[in-house]
Amino acid sequence: MTTPSTDTSARRLLIVGPPGAGKGTQAVRIAEELSIPAISTGDIFRANVSGETELGVLAKSFMDSGEYVPDSVTNDMVRSRLAEDDAASGFLLDGYPRTLDQVEALDGMLSELETSLDAVLLLVVETEEVVGRLVERGKEQGRSDDTEETIRKRLDVYAEQTAPLIDVYEKRGLVRRVDGMASIDEVTAALRGALAGR
């Protein structure tokens, strides 16, 4: 059993917010600054979809209807990823956990690794702005999962399933709220400040 790192620069983070809040962009920026991997379940799913793997075909059927991929598949994927060497000194999870059950699963994974989360970064945005952003992105990138109807469904699912986990992390004193409506650079600076203020 390895001893958990005592390096104060080690960061184990989540970035949370509704679809279209800019989590992916900010996750990459913050992870690069901290020299930790940005682990996006969305990217892993999309890689499987484009590769037409068995998981990809299954994931696409859920994503196209605005639903999330089942927890069992996602949990196994994340557990495997967090056990990789590059995540030993920290990581930034984007798109996981999304439900209270996944919070419990992540707690178990981190306990096995003898570590815990340092902070949960919450991007706060306005719903209509997000819908507009995603419809535009869908047109630009030709993404079949970015129709307005599907986007609104995903936002509903987020509000129902994901928002409650913010309360859990709030009670643990981990949540750092940042205005996600500002420019990309301003949001990055705000996230950096939120982490520095711990």
C-alpha atoms as a PDB file:
ATOM      1  CA  MET A   1       0.000   0.000   0.000  1.00  0.00           C
ATOM      2  CA  THR A   2       1.518   3.288  -1.056  1.00  0.00           C
ATOM      3  CA  THR A   3       1.522   6.330   1.188  1.00  0.00           C
ATOM      4  CA  PRO A   4      -0.679   9.187  -0.069  1.00  0.00           C
ATOM      5  CA  SER A   5       1.284  12.122  -1.439  1.00  0.00           C
ATOM      6  CA  THR A   6       1.861  14.939   1.044  1.00  0.00           C
ATOM      7  CA  ASP A   7       2.814  17.341  -1.758  1.00  0.00           C
ATOM      8  CA  THR A   8       0.667  20.428  -1.190  1.00  0.00           C
ATOM      9  CA  SER A   9       0.459  21.004  -4.951  1.00  0.00           C
ATOM     10  CA  ALA A  10      -1.363  17.706  -5.390  1.00  0.00           C
ATOM     11  CA  ARG A  11      -4.914  18.427  -6.415  1.00  0.00           C
ATOM     12  CA  ARG A  12      -7.880  16.106  -6.629  1.00  0.00           C
ATOM     13  CA  LEU A  13     -10.663  18.119  -8.154  1.00  0.00           C
ATOM     14  CA  LEU A  14     -14.085  17.923  -9.725  1.00  0.00           C
ATOM     15  CA  ILE A  15     -15.476  20.484 -12.146  1.00  0.00           C
ATOM     16  CA  VAL A  16     -19.274  20.632 -12.166  1.00  0.00           C
ATOM     17  CA  GLY A  17     -21.922  22.566 -14.062  1.00  0.00           C
ATOM     18  CA  PRO A  18     -24.692  22.039 -16.597  1.00  0.00           C
ATOM     19  CA  PRO A  19     -24.000  20.919 -20.177  1.00  0.00           C
ATOM     20  CA  GLY A  20     -22.532  23.838 -22.125  1.00  0.00           C
ATOM     21  CA  ALA A  21     -21.096  25.628 -19.083  1.00  0.00           C
ATOM     22  CA  GLY A  22     -17.575  25.382 -20.492  1.00  0.00           C
ATOM     23  CA  LYS A  23     -16.354  22.620 -18.183  1.00  0.00           C
ATOM     24  CA  GLY A  24     -14.256  20.898 -20.850  1.00  0.00           C
ATOM     25  CA  THR A  25     -12.363  24.029 -21.841  1.00  0.00           C
ATOM     26  CA  GLN A  26     -11.682  25.044 -18.240  1.00  0.00           C
ATOM     27  CA  ALA A  27     -10.791  21.506 -17.141  1.00  0.00           C
ATOM     28  CA  VAL A  28      -7.999  21.332 -19.733  1.00  0.00           C
ATOM     29  CA  ARG A  29      -6.644  24.764 -18.765  1.00  0.00           C
ATOM     30  CA  ILE A  30      -6.666  24.173 -15.004  1.00  0.00           C
ATOM     31  CA  ALA A  31      -5.277  20.638 -15.331  1.00  0.00           C
ATOM     32  CA  GLU A  32      -2.394  21.906 -17.473  1.00  0.00           C
ATOM     33  CA  GLU A  33      -1.575  24.610 -14.924  1.00  0.00           C
ATOM     34  CA  LEU A  34      -1.537  22.053 -12.097  1.00  0.00           C
ATOM     35  CA  SER A  35       0.206  19.341 -14.190  1.00  0.00           C
ATOM     36  CA  ILE A  36      -2.554  16.838 -13.512  1.00  0.00           C
ATOM     37  CA  PRO A  37      -4.679  14.887 -16.010  1.00  0.00           C
ATOM     38  CA  ALA A  38      -8.095  16.224 -16.997  1.00  0.00           C
ATOM     39  CA  ILE A  39     -10.301  13.151 -17.010  1.00  0.00           C
ATOM     40  CA  SER A  40     -13.449  13.678 -19.076  1.00  0.00           C
ATOM     41  CA  THR A  41     -16.001  10.888 -19.283  1.00  0.00           C
ATOM     42  CA  GLY A  42     -17.525  12.726 -22.247  1.00  0.00           C
ATOM     43  CA  ASP A  43     -14.278  12.480 -24.224  1.00  0.00           C
ATOM     44  CA  ILE A  44     -13.967   8.775 -23.420  1.00  0.00           C
ATOM     45  CA  PHE A  45     -17.545   8.149 -24.534  1.00  0.00           C
ATOM     46  CA  ARG A  46     -17.087  10.151 -27.746  1.00  0.00           C
ATOM     47  CA  ALA A  47     -13.851   8.268 -28.540  1.00  0.00           C
ATOM     48  CA  ASN A  48     -15.771   5.010 -28.199  1.00  0.00           C
ATOM     49  CA  VAL A  49     -18.643   6.361 -30.307  1.00  0.00           C
ATOM     50  CA  SER A  50     -16.350   7.446 -33.164  1.00  0.00           C
ATOM     51  CA  GLY A  51     -14.519   4.118 -32.924  1.00  0.00           C
ATOM     52  CA  GLU A  52     -17.889   2.311 -32.988  1.00  0.00           C
ATOM     53  CA  THR A  53     -16.856   0.040 -30.119  1.00  0.00           C
ATOM     54  CA  GLU A  54     -19.494  -2.020 -28.315  1.00  0.00           C
ATOM     55  CA  LEU A  55     -19.512   0.555 -25.500  1.00  0.00           C
ATOM     56  CA  GLY A  56     -19.624   3.349 -28.065  1.00  0.00           C
ATOM     57  CA  VAL A  57     -22.723   2.023 -29.791  1.00  0.00           C
ATOM     58  CA  LEU A  58     -24.433   1.616 -26.412  1.00  0.00           C
ATOM     59  CA  ALA A  59     -23.272   5.042 -25.183  1.00  0.00           C
ATOM     60  CA  LYS A  60     -24.500   6.732 -28.393  1.00  0.00           C
ATOM     61  CA  SER A  61     -28.020   5.390 -27.928  1.00  0.00           C
ATOM     62  CA  PHE A  62     -28.166   7.027 -24.480  1.00  0.00           C
ATOM     63  CA  MET A  63     -26.410  10.257 -25.517  1.00  0.00           C
ATOM     64  CA  ASP A  64     -28.638  10.788 -28.572  1.00  0.00           C
ATOM     65  CA  SER A  65     -31.747  10.597 -26.395  1.00  0.00           C
ATOM     66  CA  GLY A  66     -30.292  12.967 -23.788  1.00  0.00           C
ATOM     67  CA  GLU A  67     -29.803  10.230 -21.189  1.00  0.00           C
ATOM     68  CA  TYR A  68     -26.628   9.328 -19.313  1.00  0.00           C
ATOM     69  CA  VAL A  69     -24.676   6.109 -19.795  1.00  0.00           C
ATOM     70  CA  PRO A  70     -25.461   3.585 -16.972  1.00  0.00           C
ATOM     71  CA  ASP A  71     -23.480   3.986 -13.741  1.00  0.00           C
ATOM     72  CA  SER A  72     -21.966   0.492 -13.828  1.00  0.00           C
ATOM     73  CA  VAL A  73     -20.183   1.195 -17.118  1.00  0.00           C
ATOM     74  CA  THR A  74     -19.081   4.673 -16.085  1.00  0.00           C
ATOM     75  CA  ASN A  75     -17.898   3.645 -12.604  1.00  0.00           C
ATOM     76  CA  ASP A  76     -15.667   0.857 -13.955  1.00  0.00           C
ATOM     77  CA  MET A  77     -14.187   3.213 -16.525  1.00  0.00           C
ATOM     78  CA  VAL A  78     -13.401   5.917 -13.945  1.00  0.00           C
ATOM     79  CA  ARG A  79     -12.009   3.420 -11.405  1.00  0.00           C
ATOM     80  CA  SER A  80      -9.577   2.117 -14.014  1.00  0.00           C
ATOM     81  CA  ARG A  81      -8.550   5.630 -15.068  1.00  0.00           C
ATOM     82  CA  LEU A  82      -7.902   6.897 -11.516  1.00  0.00           C
ATOM     83  CA  ALA A  83      -5.623   3.905 -10.874  1.00  0.00           C
ATOM     84  CA  GLU A  84      -3.267   4.951 -13.698  1.00  0.00           C
ATOM     85  CA  ASP A  85       0.125   6.377 -12.743  1.00  0.00           C
ATOM     86  CA  ASP A  86      -0.447   9.891 -14.071  1.00  0.00           C
ATOM     87  CA  ALA A  87      -3.397  10.379 -11.687  1.00  0.00           C
ATOM     88  CA  ALA A  88      -1.363   9.491  -8.588  1.00  0.00           C
ATOM     89  CA  SER A  89      -0.499  13.111  -7.775  1.00  0.00           C
ATOM     90  CA  GLY A  90      -3.894  14.511  -8.676  1.00  0.00           C
ATOM     91  CA  PHE A  91      -6.619  14.721 -11.299  1.00  0.00           C
ATOM     92  CA  LEU A  92      -9.476  16.888 -12.469  1.00  0.00           C
ATOM     93  CA  LEU A  93     -12.685  14.976 -13.132  1.00  0.00           C
ATOM     94  CA  ASP A  94     -15.076  16.459 -15.703  1.00  0.00           C
ATOM     95  CA  GLY A  95     -18.493  14.849 -16.146  1.00  0.00           C
ATOM     96  CA  TYR A  96     -18.253  12.527 -13.150  1.00  0.00           C
ATOM     97  CA  PRO A  97     -19.848  12.050 -10.690  1.00  0.00           C
ATOM     98  CA  ARG A  98     -23.282  12.991 -12.050  1.00  0.00           C
ATOM     99  CA  THR A  99     -25.544  11.242  -9.538  1.00  0.00           C
ATOM    100  CA  LEU A 100     -25.611  10.601  -5.795  1.00  0.00           C
ATOM    101  CA  ASP A 101     -24.863   6.921  -6.469  1.00  0.00           C
ATOM    102  CA  GLN A 102     -21.764   7.962  -8.410  1.00  0.00           C
ATOM    103  CA  VAL A 103     -20.695  10.213  -5.512  1.00  0.00           C
ATOM    104  CA  GLU A 104     -20.807   7.125  -3.290  1.00  0.00           C
ATOM    105  CA  ALA A 105     -18.883   5.093  -5.876  1.00  0.00           C
ATOM    106  CA  LEU A 106     -16.215   7.819  -6.172  1.00  0.00           C
ATOM    107  CA  ASP A 107     -15.910   8.008  -2.375  1.00  0.00           C
ATOM    108  CA  GLY A 108     -15.188   4.280  -2.431  1.00  0.00           C
ATOM    109  CA  MET A 109     -12.578   4.590  -5.197  1.00  0.00           C
ATOM    110  CA  LEU A 110     -10.774   7.438  -3.404  1.00  0.00           C
ATOM    111  CA  SER A 111     -10.879   5.509  -0.132  1.00  0.00           C
ATOM    112  CA  GLU A 112      -9.214   2.551  -1.887  1.00  0.00           C
ATOM    113  CA  LEU A 113      -6.531   4.973  -3.130  1.00  0.00           C
ATOM    114  CA  GLU A 114      -6.228   6.431   0.407  1.00  0.00           C
ATOM    115  CA  THR A 115      -7.033   9.947  -0.731  1.00  0.00           C
ATOM    116  CA  SER A 116      -9.927  12.414  -0.935  1.00  0.00           C
ATOM    117  CA  LEU A 117     -11.134  15.407  -2.936  1.00  0.00           C
ATOM    118  CA  ASP A 118      -9.579  18.839  -2.441  1.00  0.00           C
ATOM    119  CA  ALA A 119     -12.296  20.946  -4.081  1.00  0.00           C
ATOM    120  CA  VAL A 120     -15.373  20.935  -6.305  1.00  0.00           C
ATOM    121  CA  LEU A 121     -15.377  23.754  -8.884  1.00  0.00           C
ATOM    122  CA  LEU A 122     -18.933  24.772  -9.801  1.00  0.00           C
ATOM    123  CA  LEU A 123     -19.541  26.807 -12.968  1.00  0.00           C
ATOM    124  CA  VAL A 124     -22.740  28.840 -12.576  1.00  0.00           C
ATOM    125  CA  VAL A 125     -24.513  29.768 -15.846  1.00  0.00           C
ATOM    126  CA  GLU A 126     -27.879  30.941 -17.193  1.00  0.00           C
ATOM    127  CA  THR A 127     -30.014  28.225 -18.820  1.00  0.00           C
ATOM    128  CA  GLU A 128     -31.059  30.110 -21.957  1.00  0.00           C
ATOM    129  CA  GLU A 129     -27.479  31.192 -22.621  1.00  0.00           C
ATOM    130  CA  VAL A 130     -26.373  27.563 -22.346  1.00  0.00           C
ATOM    131  CA  VAL A 131     -29.082  26.379 -24.759  1.00  0.00           C
ATOM    132  CA  GLY A 132     -27.940  28.994 -27.283  1.00  0.00           C
ATOM    133  CA  ARG A 133     -24.282  28.000 -26.866  1.00  0.00           C
ATOM    134  CA  LEU A 134     -24.981  24.310 -27.389  1.00  0.00           C
ATOM    135  CA  VAL A 135     -27.298  24.752 -30.388  1.00  0.00           C
ATOM    136  CA  GLU A 136     -24.558  26.827 -32.028  1.00  0.00           C
ATOM    137  CA  ARG A 137     -21.897  24.256 -31.162  1.00  0.00           C
ATOM    138  CA  GLY A 138     -24.075  21.507 -32.571  1.00  0.00           C
ATOM    139  CA  LYS A 139     -24.362  23.341 -35.880  1.00  0.00           C
ATOM    140  CA  GLU A 140     -20.631  24.064 -36.036  1.00  0.00           C
ATOM    141  CA  GLN A 141     -19.519  20.555 -35.130  1.00  0.00           C
ATOM    142  CA  GLY A 142     -22.371  18.563 -36.667  1.00  0.00           C
ATOM    143  CA  ARG A 143     -23.106  16.849 -33.354  1.00  0.00           C
ATOM    144  CA  SER A 144     -26.259  14.739 -33.418  1.00  0.00           C
ATOM    145  CA  ASP A 145     -26.667  15.072 -29.628  1.00  0.00           C
ATOM    146  CA  ASP A 146     -26.890  18.885 -29.739  1.00  0.00           C
ATOM    147  CA  THR A 147     -30.429  19.589 -30.989  1.00  0.00           C
ATOM    148  CA  GLU A 148     -32.392  22.097 -28.888  1.00  0.00           C
ATOM    149  CA  GLU A 149     -34.854  19.411 -27.728  1.00  0.00           C
ATOM    150  CA  THR A 150     -32.040  17.086 -26.618  1.00  0.00           C
ATOM    151  CA  ILE A 151     -30.155  19.949 -24.956  1.00  0.00           C
ATOM    152  CA  ARG A 152     -33.198  20.917 -22.862  1.00  0.00           C
ATOM    153  CA  LYS A 153     -33.680  17.275 -21.903  1.00  0.00           C
ATOM    154  CA  ARG A 154     -30.035  17.063 -20.799  1.00  0.00           C
ATOM    155  CA  LEU A 155     -30.448  20.228 -18.724  1.00  0.00           C
ATOM    156  CA  ASP A 156     -33.545  18.727 -17.083  1.00  0.00           C
ATOM    157  CA  VAL A 157     -31.647  15.518 -16.322  1.00  0.00           C
ATOM    158  CA  TYR A 158     -28.770  17.585 -14.894  1.00  0.00           C
ATOM    159  CA  ALA A 159     -31.105  19.540 -12.612  1.00  0.00           C
ATOM    160  CA  GLU A 160     -32.805  16.364 -11.421  1.00  0.00           C
ATOM    161  CA  GLN A 161     -29.801  14.068 -10.984  1.00  0.00           C
ATOM    162  CA  THR A 162     -26.646  16.159 -10.712  1.00  0.00           C
ATOM    163  CA  ALA A 163     -27.645  19.288  -8.808  1.00  0.00           C
ATOM    164  CA  PRO A 164     -28.325  17.279  -5.576  1.00  0.00           C
ATOM    165  CA  LEU A 165     -24.689  16.123  -5.440  1.00  0.00           C
ATOM    166  CA  ILE A 166     -23.635  19.769  -5.163  1.00  0.00           C
ATOM    167  CA  ASP A 167     -25.493  19.854  -1.832  1.00  0.00           C
ATOM    168  CA  VAL A 168     -23.486  16.834  -0.662  1.00  0.00           C
ATOM    169  CA  TYR A 169     -20.164  18.482  -1.491  1.00  0.00           C
ATOM    170  CA  GLU A 170     -21.403  21.813  -0.103  1.00  0.00           C
ATOM    171  CA  LYS A 171     -21.915  20.130   3.281  1.00  0.00           C
ATOM    172  CA  ARG A 172     -18.329  18.862   3.082  1.00  0.00           C
ATOM    173  CA  GLY A 173     -17.123  22.430   2.472  1.00  0.00           C
ATOM    174  CA  LEU A 174     -15.620  21.596  -0.925  1.00  0.00           C
ATOM    175  CA  VAL A 175     -17.675  23.715  -3.363  1.00  0.00           C
ATOM    176  CA  ARG A 176     -16.080  26.784  -5.007  1.00  0.00           C
ATOM    177  CA  ARG A 177     -18.622  28.725  -7.131  1.00  0.00           C
ATOM    178  CA  VAL A 178     -17.433  30.603 -10.211  1.00  0.00           C
ATOM    179  CA  ASP A 179     -19.426  32.676 -12.718  1.00  0.00           C
ATOM    180  CA  GLY A 180     -19.301  30.645 -15.935  1.00  0.00           C
ATOM    181  CA  MET A 181     -20.862  33.453 -18.006  1.00  0.00           C
ATOM    182  CA  ALA A 182     -17.657  35.517 -18.096  1.00  0.00           C
ATOM    183  CA  SER A 183     -15.053  35.238 -20.871  1.00  0.00           C
ATOM    184  CA  ILE A 184     -12.954  32.068 -21.044  1.00  0.00           C
ATOM    185  CA  ASP A 185      -9.879  33.843 -19.649  1.00  0.00           C
ATOM    186  CA  GLU A 186     -11.888  35.470 -16.851  1.00  0.00           C
ATOM    187  CA  VAL A 187     -13.399  32.128 -15.843  1.00  0.00           C
ATOM    188  CA  THR A 188      -9.951  30.519 -15.792  1.00  0.00           C
ATOM    189  CA  ALA A 189      -8.632  33.344 -13.591  1.00  0.00           C
ATOM    190  CA  ALA A 190     -11.621  33.001 -11.256  1.00  0.00           C
ATOM    191  CA  LEU A 191     -11.103  29.239 -10.952  1.00  0.00           C
ATOM    192  CA  ARG A 192      -7.411  29.797 -10.217  1.00  0.00           C
ATOM    193  CA  GLY A 193      -8.395  32.305  -7.545  1.00  0.00           C
ATOM    194  CA  ALA A 194     -10.968  29.943  -6.051  1.00  0.00           C
ATOM    195  CA  LEU A 195      -8.324  27.260  -5.667  1.00  0.00           C
ATOM    196  CA  ALA A 196      -5.733  29.661  -4.249  1.00  0.00           C
ATOM    197  CA  GLY A 197      -8.243  30.838  -1.669  1.00  0.00           C
ATOM    198  CA  ARG A 198      -8.620  27.433  -0.076  1.00  0.00           C
END
